[in-house]
Amino acid sequence: MMARKQGDSDAKSLGKYLELALLLPISTMIGLAMGYGLDKLFGTHFIYIIFMLLGTAAGIIQLIRELS
């Protein structure tokens, strides 16, 4: 059997931690962008806040799922 290289496990760990670090900000930004687009489409000024909060909540839920 071939022994695993240390660099392979380090790269996997880095990828996992990078995913966890970026999960919440990216989901928040996606929600914000969707809400901003809907605000422009409908001519309103409050939908972006709702979608930003939904994106943040989705990010927190996914973060909890990944950590447990």
PDB file of N, CA and C in Angstrom:
ATOM      1  N   MET A   1       0.829  -1.188   0.000  1.00  0.00           N
ATOM      2  CA  MET A   1       0.000   0.000   0.000  1.00  0.00           C
ATOM      3  C   MET A   1       0.868   1.244   0.000  1.00  0.00           C
ATOM      4  N   MET A   2       0.361   2.255  -0.670  1.00  0.00           N
ATOM      5  CA  MET A   2       1.100   3.499  -0.725  1.00  0.00           C
ATOM      6  C   MET A   2       0.760   4.344   0.495  1.00  0.00           C
ATOM      7  N   ALA A   3       1.753   4.945   1.052  1.00  0.00           N
ATOM      8  CA  ALA A   3       1.529   5.833   2.190  1.00  0.00           C
ATOM      9  C   ALA A   3       1.000   7.173   1.676  1.00  0.00           C
ATOM     10  N   ARG A   4       0.096   7.744   2.434  1.00  0.00           N
ATOM     11  CA  ARG A   4      -0.450   9.056   2.049  1.00  0.00           C
ATOM     12  C   ARG A   4       0.606  10.127   2.288  1.00  0.00           C
ATOM     13  N   LYS A   5       0.618  11.076   1.400  1.00  0.00           N
ATOM     14  CA  LYS A   5       1.548  12.191   1.544  1.00  0.00           C
ATOM     15  C   LYS A   5       0.985  13.195   2.534  1.00  0.00           C
ATOM     16  N   GLN A   6       1.875  13.848   3.255  1.00  0.00           N
ATOM     17  CA  GLN A   6       1.451  14.858   4.217  1.00  0.00           C
ATOM     18  C   GLN A   6       0.792  16.038   3.512  1.00  0.00           C
ATOM     19  N   GLY A   7       1.272  16.389   2.332  1.00  0.00           N
ATOM     20  CA  GLY A   7       0.717  17.513   1.592  1.00  0.00           C
ATOM     21  C   GLY A   7      -0.726  17.288   1.193  1.00  0.00           C
ATOM     22  N   ASP A   8      -1.114  16.037   0.898  1.00  0.00           N
ATOM     23  CA  ASP A   8      -2.493  15.735   0.527  1.00  0.00           C
ATOM     24  C   ASP A   8      -3.453  16.002   1.679  1.00  0.00           C
ATOM     25  N   SER A   9      -3.101  15.561   2.867  1.00  0.00           N
ATOM     26  CA  SER A   9      -3.991  15.775   4.010  1.00  0.00           C
ATOM     27  C   SER A   9      -4.023  17.255   4.403  1.00  0.00           C
ATOM     28  N   ASP A  10      -2.903  17.943   4.234  1.00  0.00           N
ATOM     29  CA  ASP A  10      -2.878  19.381   4.527  1.00  0.00           C
ATOM     30  C   ASP A  10      -3.777  20.139   3.566  1.00  0.00           C
ATOM     31  N   ALA A  11      -3.747  19.763   2.293  1.00  0.00           N
ATOM     32  CA  ALA A  11      -4.576  20.435   1.294  1.00  0.00           C
ATOM     33  C   ALA A  11      -6.053  20.175   1.569  1.00  0.00           C
ATOM     34  N   LYS A  12      -6.399  18.957   1.964  1.00  0.00           N
ATOM     35  CA  LYS A  12      -7.794  18.649   2.292  1.00  0.00           C
ATOM     36  C   LYS A  12      -8.258  19.429   3.516  1.00  0.00           C
ATOM     37  N   SER A  13      -7.408  19.531   4.516  1.00  0.00           N
ATOM     38  CA  SER A  13      -7.754  20.295   5.720  1.00  0.00           C
ATOM     39  C   SER A  13      -7.913  21.771   5.389  1.00  0.00           C
ATOM     40  N   LEU A  14      -7.019  22.295   4.576  1.00  0.00           N
ATOM     41  CA  LEU A  14      -7.105  23.693   4.179  1.00  0.00           C
ATOM     42  C   LEU A  14      -8.395  23.951   3.418  1.00  0.00           C
ATOM     43  N   GLY A  15      -8.754  23.043   2.512  1.00  0.00           N
ATOM     44  CA  GLY A  15      -9.991  23.196   1.752  1.00  0.00           C
ATOM     45  C   GLY A  15     -11.217  23.165   2.640  1.00  0.00           C
ATOM     46  N   LYS A  16     -11.221  22.266   3.604  1.00  0.00           N
ATOM     47  CA  LYS A  16     -12.368  22.158   4.510  1.00  0.00           C
ATOM     48  C   LYS A  16     -12.524  23.419   5.360  1.00  0.00           C
ATOM     49  N   TYR A  17     -11.415  23.901   5.911  1.00  0.00           N
ATOM     50  CA  TYR A  17     -11.485  25.094   6.754  1.00  0.00           C
ATOM     51  C   TYR A  17     -11.794  26.341   5.938  1.00  0.00           C
ATOM     52  N   LEU A  18     -11.290  26.400   4.706  1.00  0.00           N
ATOM     53  CA  LEU A  18     -11.601  27.529   3.842  1.00  0.00           C
ATOM     54  C   LEU A  18     -13.083  27.540   3.480  1.00  0.00           C
ATOM     55  N   GLU A  19     -13.637  26.355   3.251  1.00  0.00           N
ATOM     56  CA  GLU A  19     -15.080  26.254   2.981  1.00  0.00           C
ATOM     57  C   GLU A  19     -15.890  26.762   4.167  1.00  0.00           C
ATOM     58  N   LEU A  20     -15.513  26.370   5.367  1.00  0.00           N
ATOM     59  CA  LEU A  20     -16.234  26.811   6.557  1.00  0.00           C
ATOM     60  C   LEU A  20     -16.084  28.316   6.776  1.00  0.00           C
ATOM     61  N   ALA A  21     -14.915  28.853   6.469  1.00  0.00           N
ATOM     62  CA  ALA A  21     -14.684  30.283   6.685  1.00  0.00           C
ATOM     63  C   ALA A  21     -15.464  31.142   5.695  1.00  0.00           C
ATOM     64  N   LEU A  22     -15.660  30.653   4.480  1.00  0.00           N
ATOM     65  CA  LEU A  22     -16.308  31.444   3.448  1.00  0.00           C
ATOM     66  C   LEU A  22     -17.805  31.176   3.322  1.00  0.00           C
ATOM     67  N   LEU A  23     -18.298  30.174   4.000  1.00  0.00           N
ATOM     68  CA  LEU A  23     -19.696  29.775   3.867  1.00  0.00           C
ATOM     69  C   LEU A  23     -20.651  30.896   4.268  1.00  0.00           C
ATOM     70  N   LEU A  24     -20.473  31.476   5.400  1.00  0.00           N
ATOM     71  CA  LEU A  24     -21.382  32.515   5.896  1.00  0.00           C
ATOM     72  C   LEU A  24     -21.312  33.814   5.086  1.00  0.00           C
ATOM     73  N   PRO A  25     -20.129  34.349   4.795  1.00  0.00           N
ATOM     74  CA  PRO A  25     -20.112  35.584   4.007  1.00  0.00           C
ATOM     75  C   PRO A  25     -20.649  35.415   2.587  1.00  0.00           C
ATOM     76  N   ILE A  26     -20.359  34.284   1.969  1.00  0.00           N
ATOM     77  CA  ILE A  26     -20.838  34.072   0.599  1.00  0.00           C
ATOM     78  C   ILE A  26     -22.350  33.919   0.571  1.00  0.00           C
ATOM     79  N   SER A  27     -22.913  33.167   1.501  1.00  0.00           N
ATOM     80  CA  SER A  27     -24.367  32.998   1.514  1.00  0.00           C
ATOM     81  C   SER A  27     -25.073  34.325   1.819  1.00  0.00           C
ATOM     82  N   THR A  28     -24.477  35.140   2.674  1.00  0.00           N
ATOM     83  CA  THR A  28     -25.044  36.458   2.959  1.00  0.00           C
ATOM     84  C   THR A  28     -25.001  37.342   1.715  1.00  0.00           C
ATOM     85  N   MET A  29     -23.877  37.324   1.007  1.00  0.00           N
ATOM     86  CA  MET A  29     -23.745  38.146  -0.199  1.00  0.00           C
ATOM     87  C   MET A  29     -24.674  37.680  -1.320  1.00  0.00           C
ATOM     88  N   ILE A  30     -24.882  36.388  -1.441  1.00  0.00           N
ATOM     89  CA  ILE A  30     -25.813  35.888  -2.456  1.00  0.00           C
ATOM     90  C   ILE A  30     -27.229  36.347  -2.135  1.00  0.00           C
ATOM     91  N   GLY A  31     -27.625  36.250  -0.873  1.00  0.00           N
ATOM     92  CA  GLY A  31     -28.946  36.737  -0.473  1.00  0.00           C
ATOM     93  C   GLY A  31     -29.094  38.226  -0.702  1.00  0.00           C
ATOM     94  N   LEU A  32     -28.049  38.979  -0.402  1.00  0.00           N
ATOM     95  CA  LEU A  32     -28.073  40.421  -0.614  1.00  0.00           C
ATOM     96  C   LEU A  32     -28.196  40.751  -2.104  1.00  0.00           C
ATOM     97  N   ALA A  33     -27.461  40.044  -2.937  1.00  0.00           N
ATOM     98  CA  ALA A  33     -27.513  40.298  -4.381  1.00  0.00           C
ATOM     99  C   ALA A  33     -28.884  39.947  -4.961  1.00  0.00           C
ATOM    100  N   MET A  34     -29.456  38.853  -4.492  1.00  0.00           N
ATOM    101  CA  MET A  34     -30.798  38.484  -4.967  1.00  0.00           C
ATOM    102  C   MET A  34     -31.828  39.530  -4.549  1.00  0.00           C
ATOM    103  N   GLY A  35     -31.750  39.967  -3.316  1.00  0.00           N
ATOM    104  CA  GLY A  35     -32.670  40.987  -2.831  1.00  0.00           C
ATOM    105  C   GLY A  35     -32.490  42.311  -3.540  1.00  0.00           C
ATOM    106  N   TYR A  36     -31.240  42.672  -3.825  1.00  0.00           N
ATOM    107  CA  TYR A  36     -30.971  43.906  -4.549  1.00  0.00           C
ATOM    108  C   TYR A  36     -31.563  43.848  -5.958  1.00  0.00           C
ATOM    109  N   GLY A  37     -31.394  42.700  -6.604  1.00  0.00           N
ATOM    110  CA  GLY A  37     -31.969  42.533  -7.937  1.00  0.00           C
ATOM    111  C   GLY A  37     -33.487  42.610  -7.924  1.00  0.00           C
ATOM    112  N   LEU A  38     -34.101  42.006  -6.939  1.00  0.00           N
ATOM    113  CA  LEU A  38     -35.557  42.072  -6.825  1.00  0.00           C
ATOM    114  C   LEU A  38     -36.029  43.487  -6.494  1.00  0.00           C
ATOM    115  N   ASP A  39     -35.253  44.194  -5.672  1.00  0.00           N
ATOM    116  CA  ASP A  39     -35.588  45.597  -5.391  1.00  0.00           C
ATOM    117  C   ASP A  39     -35.562  46.429  -6.664  1.00  0.00           C
ATOM    118  N   LYS A  40     -34.556  46.246  -7.488  1.00  0.00           N
ATOM    119  CA  LYS A  40     -34.474  46.975  -8.750  1.00  0.00           C
ATOM    120  C   LYS A  40     -35.609  46.583  -9.690  1.00  0.00           C
ATOM    121  N   LEU A  41     -35.956  45.305  -9.698  1.00  0.00           N
ATOM    122  CA  LEU A  41     -37.015  44.814 -10.579  1.00  0.00           C
ATOM    123  C   LEU A  41     -38.379  45.381 -10.185  1.00  0.00           C
ATOM    124  N   PHE A  42     -38.663  45.390  -8.893  1.00  0.00           N
ATOM    125  CA  PHE A  42     -39.980  45.824  -8.430  1.00  0.00           C
ATOM    126  C   PHE A  42     -40.018  47.285  -7.981  1.00  0.00           C
ATOM    127  N   GLY A  43     -38.881  47.963  -7.934  1.00  0.00           N
ATOM    128  CA  GLY A  43     -38.847  49.357  -7.526  1.00  0.00           C
ATOM    129  C   GLY A  43     -39.084  49.567  -6.044  1.00  0.00           C
ATOM    130  N   THR A  44     -38.664  48.630  -5.216  1.00  0.00           N
ATOM    131  CA  THR A  44     -38.833  48.745  -3.766  1.00  0.00           C
ATOM    132  C   THR A  44     -37.481  49.020  -3.111  1.00  0.00           C
ATOM    133  N   HIS A  45     -37.479  49.148  -1.777  1.00  0.00           N
ATOM    134  CA  HIS A  45     -36.238  49.435  -1.063  1.00  0.00           C
ATOM    135  C   HIS A  45     -36.107  48.633   0.230  1.00  0.00           C
ATOM    136  N   PHE A  46     -36.778  47.489   0.321  1.00  0.00           N
ATOM    137  CA  PHE A  46     -36.701  46.725   1.561  1.00  0.00           C
ATOM    138  C   PHE A  46     -36.456  45.228   1.336  1.00  0.00           C
ATOM    139  N   ILE A  47     -36.620  44.754   0.131  1.00  0.00           N
ATOM    140  CA  ILE A  47     -36.491  43.317  -0.124  1.00  0.00           C
ATOM    141  C   ILE A  47     -35.059  42.841   0.110  1.00  0.00           C
ATOM    142  N   TYR A  48     -34.073  43.700  -0.154  1.00  0.00           N
ATOM    143  CA  TYR A  48     -32.679  43.283   0.025  1.00  0.00           C
ATOM    144  C   TYR A  48     -32.379  42.933   1.480  1.00  0.00           C
ATOM    145  N   ILE A  49     -33.030  43.626   2.413  1.00  0.00           N
ATOM    146  CA  ILE A  49     -32.806  43.330   3.832  1.00  0.00           C
ATOM    147  C   ILE A  49     -33.348  41.945   4.173  1.00  0.00           C
ATOM    148  N   ILE A  50     -34.524  41.633   3.679  1.00  0.00           N
ATOM    149  CA  ILE A  50     -35.141  40.337   3.939  1.00  0.00           C
ATOM    150  C   ILE A  50     -34.283  39.216   3.371  1.00  0.00           C
ATOM    151  N   PHE A  51     -33.829  39.370   2.127  1.00  0.00           N
ATOM    152  CA  PHE A  51     -33.034  38.328   1.504  1.00  0.00           C
ATOM    153  C   PHE A  51     -31.642  38.225   2.120  1.00  0.00           C
ATOM    154  N   MET A  52     -31.091  39.341   2.586  1.00  0.00           N
ATOM    155  CA  MET A  52     -29.812  39.293   3.271  1.00  0.00           C
ATOM    156  C   MET A  52     -29.939  38.479   4.564  1.00  0.00           C
ATOM    157  N   LEU A  53     -31.023  38.703   5.296  1.00  0.00           N
ATOM    158  CA  LEU A  53     -31.248  37.940   6.530  1.00  0.00           C
ATOM    159  C   LEU A  53     -31.503  36.470   6.236  1.00  0.00           C
ATOM    160  N   LEU A  54     -32.231  36.196   5.151  1.00  0.00           N
ATOM    161  CA  LEU A  54     -32.453  34.798   4.762  1.00  0.00           C
ATOM    162  C   LEU A  54     -31.150  34.121   4.363  1.00  0.00           C
ATOM    163  N   GLY A  55     -30.293  34.821   3.639  1.00  0.00           N
ATOM    164  CA  GLY A  55     -28.992  34.269   3.265  1.00  0.00           C
ATOM    165  C   GLY A  55     -28.118  34.011   4.476  1.00  0.00           C
ATOM    166  N   THR A  56     -28.147  34.923   5.424  1.00  0.00           N
ATOM    167  CA  THR A  56     -27.377  34.745   6.651  1.00  0.00           C
ATOM    168  C   THR A  56     -27.888  33.545   7.440  1.00  0.00           C
ATOM    169  N   ALA A  57     -29.204  33.420   7.541  1.00  0.00           N
ATOM    170  CA  ALA A  57     -29.788  32.278   8.261  1.00  0.00           C
ATOM    171  C   ALA A  57     -29.438  30.969   7.562  1.00  0.00           C
ATOM    172  N   ALA A  58     -29.494  30.959   6.242  1.00  0.00           N
ATOM    173  CA  ALA A  58     -29.142  29.748   5.506  1.00  0.00           C
ATOM    174  C   ALA A  58     -27.673  29.396   5.719  1.00  0.00           C
ATOM    175  N   GLY A  59     -26.802  30.405   5.757  1.00  0.00           N
ATOM    176  CA  GLY A  59     -25.391  30.164   6.012  1.00  0.00           C
ATOM    177  C   GLY A  59     -25.134  29.607   7.400  1.00  0.00           C
ATOM    178  N   ILE A  60     -25.835  30.129   8.387  1.00  0.00           N
ATOM    179  CA  ILE A  60     -25.669  29.639   9.759  1.00  0.00           C
ATOM    180  C   ILE A  60     -26.156  28.200   9.874  1.00  0.00           C
ATOM    181  N   ILE A  61     -27.283  27.901   9.256  1.00  0.00           N
ATOM    182  CA  ILE A  61     -27.812  26.537   9.297  1.00  0.00           C
ATOM    183  C   ILE A  61     -26.843  25.564   8.631  1.00  0.00           C
ATOM    184  N   GLN A  62     -26.296  25.948   7.472  1.00  0.00           N
ATOM    185  CA  GLN A  62     -25.357  25.078   6.789  1.00  0.00           C
ATOM    186  C   GLN A  62     -24.068  24.922   7.580  1.00  0.00           C
ATOM    187  N   LEU A  63     -23.627  25.977   8.223  1.00  0.00           N
ATOM    188  CA  LEU A  63     -22.422  25.912   9.044  1.00  0.00           C
ATOM    189  C   LEU A  63     -22.611  24.951  10.218  1.00  0.00           C
ATOM    190  N   ILE A  64     -23.783  24.996  10.830  1.00  0.00           N
ATOM    191  CA  ILE A  64     -24.080  24.066  11.936  1.00  0.00           C
ATOM    192  C   ILE A  64     -24.122  22.629  11.423  1.00  0.00           C
ATOM    193  N   ARG A  65     -24.706  22.413  10.246  1.00  0.00           N
ATOM    194  CA  ARG A  65     -24.740  21.069   9.662  1.00  0.00           C
ATOM    195  C   ARG A  65     -23.340  20.545   9.370  1.00  0.00           C
ATOM    196  N   GLU A  66     -22.471  21.398   8.864  1.00  0.00           N
ATOM    197  CA  GLU A  66     -21.118  20.970   8.537  1.00  0.00           C
ATOM    198  C   GLU A  66     -20.302  20.655   9.795  1.00  0.00           C
ATOM    199  N   LEU A  67     -20.532  21.408  10.860  1.00  0.00           N
ATOM    200  CA  LEU A  67     -19.752  21.220  12.069  1.00  0.00           C
ATOM    201  C   LEU A  67     -20.242  20.062  12.928  1.00  0.00           C
ATOM    202  N   SER A  68     -21.482  19.638  12.739  1.00  0.00           N
ATOM    203  CA  SER A  68     -21.969  18.528  13.570  1.00  0.00           C
ATOM    204  C   SER A  68     -21.891  17.200  12.850  1.00  0.00           C
TER     205      SER A  68
END
